[in-house]
């Protein structure tokens, strides 16, 4: 491997936080505990904030905007 790609390991963080948010919202609906809702909102904001660095890493790894989507 000639180069180190940053996008593949970074892209999993937003996915994980969005999935955690879904689980927390389900728990909030079942148990009606506001702690779950606050943690879900925190998880959403963290996932959304990490989405920007993941997209930037994808652009850096692709060396600009590719003409077509490259397979992962």
PDB file of N, CA and C in Angstrom:
ATOM      1  N   UNK A   1       0.850  -1.171   0.000  1.00  0.00           N
ATOM      2  CA  UNK A   1       0.000   0.000   0.000  1.00  0.00           C
ATOM      3  C   UNK A   1       0.889   1.225   0.000  1.00  0.00           C
ATOM      4  N   UNK A   2       0.754   2.023  -1.024  1.00  0.00           N
ATOM      5  CA  UNK A   2       1.632   3.173  -1.194  1.00  0.00           C
ATOM      6  C   UNK A   2       1.202   4.380  -0.377  1.00  0.00           C
ATOM      7  N   UNK A   3      -0.074   4.534  -0.177  1.00  0.00           N
ATOM      8  CA  UNK A   3      -0.566   5.721   0.516  1.00  0.00           C
ATOM      9  C   UNK A   3      -1.494   5.315   1.640  1.00  0.00           C
ATOM     10  N   UNK A   4      -1.619   6.198   2.611  1.00  0.00           N
ATOM     11  CA  UNK A   4      -2.512   5.956   3.729  1.00  0.00           C
ATOM     12  C   UNK A   4      -3.797   6.727   3.466  1.00  0.00           C
ATOM     13  N   UNK A   5      -4.920   6.029   3.434  1.00  0.00           N
ATOM     14  CA  UNK A   5      -6.219   6.658   3.213  1.00  0.00           C
ATOM     15  C   UNK A   5      -6.858   6.954   4.570  1.00  0.00           C
ATOM     16  N   UNK A   6      -7.330   8.166   4.738  1.00  0.00           N
ATOM     17  CA  UNK A   6      -7.925   8.573   6.006  1.00  0.00           C
ATOM     18  C   UNK A   6      -9.441   8.415   6.036  1.00  0.00           C
ATOM     19  N   UNK A   7     -10.079   8.446   4.887  1.00  0.00           N
ATOM     20  CA  UNK A   7     -11.539   8.411   4.841  1.00  0.00           C
ATOM     21  C   UNK A   7     -12.144   7.114   5.387  1.00  0.00           C
ATOM     22  N   UNK A   8     -11.650   5.936   5.023  1.00  0.00           N
ATOM     23  CA  UNK A   8     -12.316   4.706   5.497  1.00  0.00           C
ATOM     24  C   UNK A   8     -12.438   4.579   7.015  1.00  0.00           C
ATOM     25  N   UNK A   9     -11.398   4.855   7.810  1.00  0.00           N
ATOM     26  CA  UNK A   9     -11.616   4.718   9.261  1.00  0.00           C
ATOM     27  C   UNK A   9     -12.437   5.863   9.865  1.00  0.00           C
ATOM     28  N   UNK A  10     -12.361   7.046   9.289  1.00  0.00           N
ATOM     29  CA  UNK A  10     -13.068   8.197   9.851  1.00  0.00           C
ATOM     30  C   UNK A  10     -14.560   8.129   9.572  1.00  0.00           C
ATOM     31  N   UNK A  11     -14.945   7.570   8.434  1.00  0.00           N
ATOM     32  CA  UNK A  11     -16.359   7.579   8.039  1.00  0.00           C
ATOM     33  C   UNK A  11     -17.226   6.723   8.966  1.00  0.00           C
ATOM     34  N   UNK A  12     -16.634   5.827   9.720  1.00  0.00           N
ATOM     35  CA  UNK A  12     -17.419   4.971  10.607  1.00  0.00           C
ATOM     36  C   UNK A  12     -17.932   5.712  11.845  1.00  0.00           C
ATOM     37  N   UNK A  13     -17.278   6.792  12.240  1.00  0.00           N
ATOM     38  CA  UNK A  13     -17.712   7.512  13.432  1.00  0.00           C
ATOM     39  C   UNK A  13     -19.089   8.161  13.267  1.00  0.00           C
ATOM     40  N   UNK A  14     -19.350   8.917  12.189  1.00  0.00           N
ATOM     41  CA  UNK A  14     -20.715   9.455  12.049  1.00  0.00           C
ATOM     42  C   UNK A  14     -21.778   8.363  11.950  1.00  0.00           C
ATOM     43  N   UNK A  15     -21.469   7.292  11.257  1.00  0.00           N
ATOM     44  CA  UNK A  15     -22.423   6.192  11.131  1.00  0.00           C
ATOM     45  C   UNK A  15     -22.733   5.603  12.504  1.00  0.00           C
ATOM     46  N   UNK A  16     -21.707   5.418  13.316  1.00  0.00           N
ATOM     47  CA  UNK A  16     -21.901   4.858  14.654  1.00  0.00           C
ATOM     48  C   UNK A  16     -22.719   5.794  15.537  1.00  0.00           C
ATOM     49  N   UNK A  17     -22.442   7.091  15.475  1.00  0.00           N
ATOM     50  CA  UNK A  17     -23.182   8.024  16.319  1.00  0.00           C
ATOM     51  C   UNK A  17     -24.629   8.178  15.868  1.00  0.00           C
ATOM     52  N   UNK A  18     -24.886   8.131  14.562  1.00  0.00           N
ATOM     53  CA  UNK A  18     -26.270   8.182  14.087  1.00  0.00           C
ATOM     54  C   UNK A  18     -27.025   6.907  14.476  1.00  0.00           C
ATOM     55  N   UNK A  19     -26.359   5.775  14.446  1.00  0.00           N
ATOM     56  CA  UNK A  19     -26.993   4.515  14.871  1.00  0.00           C
ATOM     57  C   UNK A  19     -27.274   4.534  16.374  1.00  0.00           C
ATOM     58  N   UNK A  20     -26.320   5.065  17.141  1.00  0.00           N
ATOM     59  CA  UNK A  20     -26.526   5.193  18.584  1.00  0.00           C
ATOM     60  C   UNK A  20     -27.701   6.119  18.876  1.00  0.00           C
ATOM     61  N   UNK A  21     -27.825   7.188  18.103  1.00  0.00           N
ATOM     62  CA  UNK A  21     -28.949   8.102  18.284  1.00  0.00           C
ATOM     63  C   UNK A  21     -30.273   7.381  18.076  1.00  0.00           C
ATOM     64  N   UNK A  22     -30.354   6.546  17.060  1.00  0.00           N
ATOM     65  CA  UNK A  22     -31.581   5.802  16.793  1.00  0.00           C
ATOM     66  C   UNK A  22     -31.946   4.896  17.965  1.00  0.00           C
ATOM     67  N   UNK A  23     -30.959   4.206  18.512  1.00  0.00           N
ATOM     68  CA  UNK A  23     -31.208   3.326  19.662  1.00  0.00           C
ATOM     69  C   UNK A  23     -31.651   4.144  20.869  1.00  0.00           C
ATOM     70  N   UNK A  24     -31.000   5.276  21.100  1.00  0.00           N
ATOM     71  CA  UNK A  24     -31.354   6.117  22.243  1.00  0.00           C
ATOM     72  C   UNK A  24     -32.753   6.708  22.110  1.00  0.00           C
ATOM     73  N   UNK A  25     -33.136   7.095  20.900  1.00  0.00           N
ATOM     74  CA  UNK A  25     -34.489   7.604  20.700  1.00  0.00           C
ATOM     75  C   UNK A  25     -35.529   6.511  20.920  1.00  0.00           C
ATOM     76  N   UNK A  26     -35.215   5.299  20.512  1.00  0.00           N
ATOM     77  CA  UNK A  26     -36.123   4.181  20.761  1.00  0.00           C
ATOM     78  C   UNK A  26     -36.272   3.951  22.269  1.00  0.00           C
ATOM     79  N   UNK A  27     -35.145   4.012  23.001  1.00  0.00           N
ATOM     80  CA  UNK A  27     -35.206   3.845  24.455  1.00  0.00           C
ATOM     81  C   UNK A  27     -35.992   4.980  25.109  1.00  0.00           C
ATOM     82  N   UNK A  28     -35.823   6.189  24.585  1.00  0.00           N
ATOM     83  CA  UNK A  28     -36.556   7.329  25.125  1.00  0.00           C
ATOM     84  C   UNK A  28     -38.065   7.149  24.934  1.00  0.00           C
ATOM     85  N   UNK A  29     -38.466   6.645  23.756  1.00  0.00           N
ATOM     86  CA  UNK A  29     -39.889   6.409  23.515  1.00  0.00           C
ATOM     87  C   UNK A  29     -40.454   5.306  24.408  1.00  0.00           C
ATOM     88  N   UNK A  30     -39.635   4.324  24.719  1.00  0.00           N
ATOM     89  CA  UNK A  30     -40.099   3.204  25.547  1.00  0.00           C
ATOM     90  C   UNK A  30     -40.153   3.561  27.034  1.00  0.00           C
ATOM     91  N   UNK A  31     -39.145   4.300  27.512  1.00  0.00           N
ATOM     92  CA  UNK A  31     -39.020   4.530  28.956  1.00  0.00           C
ATOM     93  C   UNK A  31     -39.396   5.941  29.403  1.00  0.00           C
ATOM     94  N   UNK A  32     -39.531   6.856  28.458  1.00  0.00           N
ATOM     95  CA  UNK A  32     -39.906   8.247  28.751  1.00  0.00           C
ATOM     96  C   UNK A  32     -38.948   8.919  29.728  1.00  0.00           C
ATOM     97  N   UNK A  33     -37.677   8.591  29.616  1.00  0.00           N
ATOM     98  CA  UNK A  33     -36.643   9.209  30.454  1.00  0.00           C
ATOM     99  C   UNK A  33     -35.948  10.292  29.629  1.00  0.00           C
ATOM    100  N   UNK A  34     -35.957  11.548  30.080  1.00  0.00           N
ATOM    101  CA  UNK A  34     -35.356  12.622  29.286  1.00  0.00           C
ATOM    102  C   UNK A  34     -33.845  12.496  29.113  1.00  0.00           C
ATOM    103  N   UNK A  35     -33.194  11.684  29.916  1.00  0.00           N
ATOM    104  CA  UNK A  35     -31.750  11.487  29.773  1.00  0.00           C
ATOM    105  C   UNK A  35     -31.441  10.854  28.410  1.00  0.00           C
ATOM    106  N   UNK A  36     -32.268   9.918  27.991  1.00  0.00           N
ATOM    107  CA  UNK A  36     -32.059   9.280  26.688  1.00  0.00           C
ATOM    108  C   UNK A  36     -32.197  10.283  25.547  1.00  0.00           C
ATOM    109  N   UNK A  37     -33.168  11.182  25.668  1.00  0.00           N
ATOM    110  CA  UNK A  37     -33.374  12.192  24.627  1.00  0.00           C
ATOM    111  C   UNK A  37     -32.182  13.156  24.550  1.00  0.00           C
ATOM    112  N   UNK A  38     -31.677  13.589  25.696  1.00  0.00           N
ATOM    113  CA  UNK A  38     -30.518  14.491  25.703  1.00  0.00           C
ATOM    114  C   UNK A  38     -29.277  13.804  25.137  1.00  0.00           C
ATOM    115  N   UNK A  39     -29.081  12.541  25.493  1.00  0.00           N
ATOM    116  CA  UNK A  39     -27.924  11.803  24.972  1.00  0.00           C
ATOM    117  C   UNK A  39     -28.082  11.562  23.470  1.00  0.00           C
ATOM    118  N   UNK A  40     -29.315  11.331  23.011  1.00  0.00           N
ATOM    119  CA  UNK A  40     -29.560  11.155  21.580  1.00  0.00           C
ATOM    120  C   UNK A  40     -29.254  12.439  20.824  1.00  0.00           C
ATOM    121  N   UNK A  41     -29.632  13.577  21.381  1.00  0.00           N
ATOM    122  CA  UNK A  41     -29.333  14.852  20.748  1.00  0.00           C
ATOM    123  C   UNK A  41     -27.823  15.096  20.702  1.00  0.00           C
ATOM    124  N   UNK A  42     -27.131  14.758  21.785  1.00  0.00           N
ATOM    125  CA  UNK A  42     -25.675  14.881  21.815  1.00  0.00           C
ATOM    126  C   UNK A  42     -25.042  13.973  20.766  1.00  0.00           C
ATOM    127  N   UNK A  43     -25.530  12.747  20.657  1.00  0.00           N
ATOM    128  CA  UNK A  43     -25.008  11.794  19.682  1.00  0.00           C
ATOM    129  C   UNK A  43     -25.242  12.288  18.260  1.00  0.00           C
ATOM    130  N   UNK A  44     -26.423  12.870  18.006  1.00  0.00           N
ATOM    131  CA  UNK A  44     -26.715  13.417  16.683  1.00  0.00           C
ATOM    132  C   UNK A  44     -25.762  14.562  16.347  1.00  0.00           C
ATOM    133  N   UNK A  45     -25.575  15.475  17.286  1.00  0.00           N
ATOM    134  CA  UNK A  45     -24.686  16.614  17.039  1.00  0.00           C
ATOM    135  C   UNK A  45     -23.250  16.164  16.818  1.00  0.00           C
ATOM    136  N   UNK A  46     -22.811  15.178  17.571  1.00  0.00           N
ATOM    137  CA  UNK A  46     -21.455  14.662  17.396  1.00  0.00           C
ATOM    138  C   UNK A  46     -21.306  13.974  16.039  1.00  0.00           C
ATOM    139  N   UNK A  47     -22.281  13.182  15.653  1.00  0.00           N
ATOM    140  CA  UNK A  47     -22.240  12.525  14.347  1.00  0.00           C
ATOM    141  C   UNK A  47     -22.273  13.519  13.212  1.00  0.00           C
ATOM    142  N   UNK A  48     -23.107  14.548  13.350  1.00  0.00           N
ATOM    143  CA  UNK A  48     -23.203  15.579  12.316  1.00  0.00           C
ATOM    144  C   UNK A  48     -21.906  16.376  12.225  1.00  0.00           C
ATOM    145  N   UNK A  49     -21.307  16.667  13.380  1.00  0.00           N
ATOM    146  CA  UNK A  49     -20.033  17.390  13.388  1.00  0.00           C
ATOM    147  C   UNK A  49     -18.892  16.581  12.803  1.00  0.00           C
ATOM    148  N   UNK A  50     -18.914  15.282  12.999  1.00  0.00           N
ATOM    149  CA  UNK A  50     -17.853  14.425  12.453  1.00  0.00           C
ATOM    150  C   UNK A  50     -18.079  14.092  10.987  1.00  0.00           C
ATOM    151  N   UNK A  51     -19.270  14.357  10.484  1.00  0.00           N
ATOM    152  CA  UNK A  51     -19.554  14.094   9.079  1.00  0.00           C
ATOM    153  C   UNK A  51     -18.723  15.014   8.173  1.00  0.00           C
ATOM    154  N   UNK A  52     -18.512  16.253   8.597  1.00  0.00           N
ATOM    155  CA  UNK A  52     -17.741  17.215   7.804  1.00  0.00           C
ATOM    156  C   UNK A  52     -16.288  16.755   7.647  1.00  0.00           C
ATOM    157  N   UNK A  53     -15.582  16.381   8.735  1.00  0.00           N
ATOM    158  CA  UNK A  53     -14.211  15.868   8.542  1.00  0.00           C
ATOM    159  C   UNK A  53     -14.166  14.585   7.705  1.00  0.00           C
ATOM    160  N   UNK A  54     -15.200  13.742   7.809  1.00  0.00           N
ATOM    161  CA  UNK A  54     -15.224  12.519   6.999  1.00  0.00           C
ATOM    162  C   UNK A  54     -15.347  12.860   5.515  1.00  0.00           C
ATOM    163  N   UNK A  55     -16.181  13.854   5.197  1.00  0.00           N
ATOM    164  CA  UNK A  55     -16.318  14.260   3.789  1.00  0.00           C
ATOM    165  C   UNK A  55     -15.031  14.904   3.291  1.00  0.00           C
ATOM    166  N   UNK A  56     -14.402  15.717   4.137  1.00  0.00           N
ATOM    167  CA  UNK A  56     -13.148  16.355   3.733  1.00  0.00           C
ATOM    168  C   UNK A  56     -12.046  15.310   3.519  1.00  0.00           C
ATOM    169  N   UNK A  57     -11.999  14.306   4.385  1.00  0.00           N
ATOM    170  CA  UNK A  57     -11.016  13.236   4.218  1.00  0.00           C
ATOM    171  C   UNK A  57     -11.271  12.462   2.930  1.00  0.00           C
ATOM    172  N   UNK A  58     -12.546  12.279   2.577  1.00  0.00           N
ATOM    173  CA  UNK A  58     -12.868  11.608   1.321  1.00  0.00           C
ATOM    174  C   UNK A  58     -12.401  12.408   0.122  1.00  0.00           C
ATOM    175  N   UNK A  59     -12.567  13.723   0.185  1.00  0.00           N
ATOM    176  CA  UNK A  59     -12.089  14.566  -0.917  1.00  0.00           C
ATOM    177  C   UNK A  59     -10.570  14.556  -1.013  1.00  0.00           C
ATOM    178  N   UNK A  60      -9.898  14.573   0.133  1.00  0.00           N
ATOM    179  CA  UNK A  60      -8.430  14.525   0.123  1.00  0.00           C
ATOM    180  C   UNK A  60      -7.950  13.184  -0.426  1.00  0.00           C
ATOM    181  N   UNK A  61      -8.563  12.108   0.033  1.00  0.00           N
ATOM    182  CA  UNK A  61      -8.165  10.776  -0.442  1.00  0.00           C
ATOM    183  C   UNK A  61      -8.448  10.606  -1.934  1.00  0.00           C
ATOM    184  N   UNK A  62      -9.530  11.212  -2.427  1.00  0.00           N
ATOM    185  CA  UNK A  62      -9.875  11.096  -3.847  1.00  0.00           C
ATOM    186  C   UNK A  62      -9.109  12.108  -4.699  1.00  0.00           C
ATOM    187  N   UNK A  63      -8.369  12.984  -4.040  1.00  0.00           N
ATOM    188  CA  UNK A  63      -7.589  14.024  -4.714  1.00  0.00           C
ATOM    189  C   UNK A  63      -8.494  14.948  -5.523  1.00  0.00           C
ATOM    190  N   UNK A  64      -9.556  15.424  -4.875  1.00  0.00           N
ATOM    191  CA  UNK A  64     -10.488  16.335  -5.522  1.00  0.00           C
ATOM    192  C   UNK A  64     -11.822  15.660  -5.780  1.00  0.00           C
ATOM    193  N   UNK A  65     -12.646  16.335  -6.525  1.00  0.00           N
ATOM    194  CA  UNK A  65     -13.956  15.777  -6.867  1.00  0.00           C
ATOM    195  C   UNK A  65     -13.804  14.801  -8.028  1.00  0.00           C
ATOM    196  N   UNK A  66     -14.035  13.506  -7.779  1.00  0.00           N
ATOM    197  CA  UNK A  66     -13.909  12.539  -8.871  1.00  0.00           C
ATOM    198  C   UNK A  66     -15.081  12.661  -9.837  1.00  0.00           C
ATOM    199  N   UNK A  67     -14.858  12.247 -11.056  1.00  0.00           N
ATOM    200  CA  UNK A  67     -15.932  12.304 -12.060  1.00  0.00           C
ATOM    201  C   UNK A  67     -16.991  11.247 -11.808  1.00  0.00           C
ATOM    202  N   UNK A  68     -16.624  10.185 -11.122  1.00  0.00           N
ATOM    203  CA  UNK A  68     -17.591   9.149 -10.751  1.00  0.00           C
ATOM    204  C   UNK A  68     -17.261   8.646  -9.353  1.00  0.00           C
ATOM    205  N   UNK A  69     -18.217   8.008  -8.731  1.00  0.00           N
ATOM    206  CA  UNK A  69     -18.018   7.497  -7.381  1.00  0.00           C
ATOM    207  C   UNK A  69     -17.087   6.297  -7.440  1.00  0.00           C
ATOM    208  N   UNK A  70     -16.085   6.325  -6.602  1.00  0.00           N
ATOM    209  CA  UNK A  70     -15.130   5.217  -6.564  1.00  0.00           C
ATOM    210  C   UNK A  70     -15.634   4.158  -5.583  1.00  0.00           C
ATOM    211  N   UNK A  71     -15.468   2.890  -5.900  1.00  0.00           N
ATOM    212  CA  UNK A  71     -15.948   1.840  -4.984  1.00  0.00           C
ATOM    213  C   UNK A  71     -15.160   1.848  -3.687  1.00  0.00           C
ATOM    214  N   UNK A  72     -15.840   1.521  -2.607  1.00  0.00           N
ATOM    215  CA  UNK A  72     -15.214   1.478  -1.285  1.00  0.00           C
ATOM    216  C   UNK A  72     -14.714   0.098  -0.987  1.00  0.00           C
TER     217      UNK A  72
END
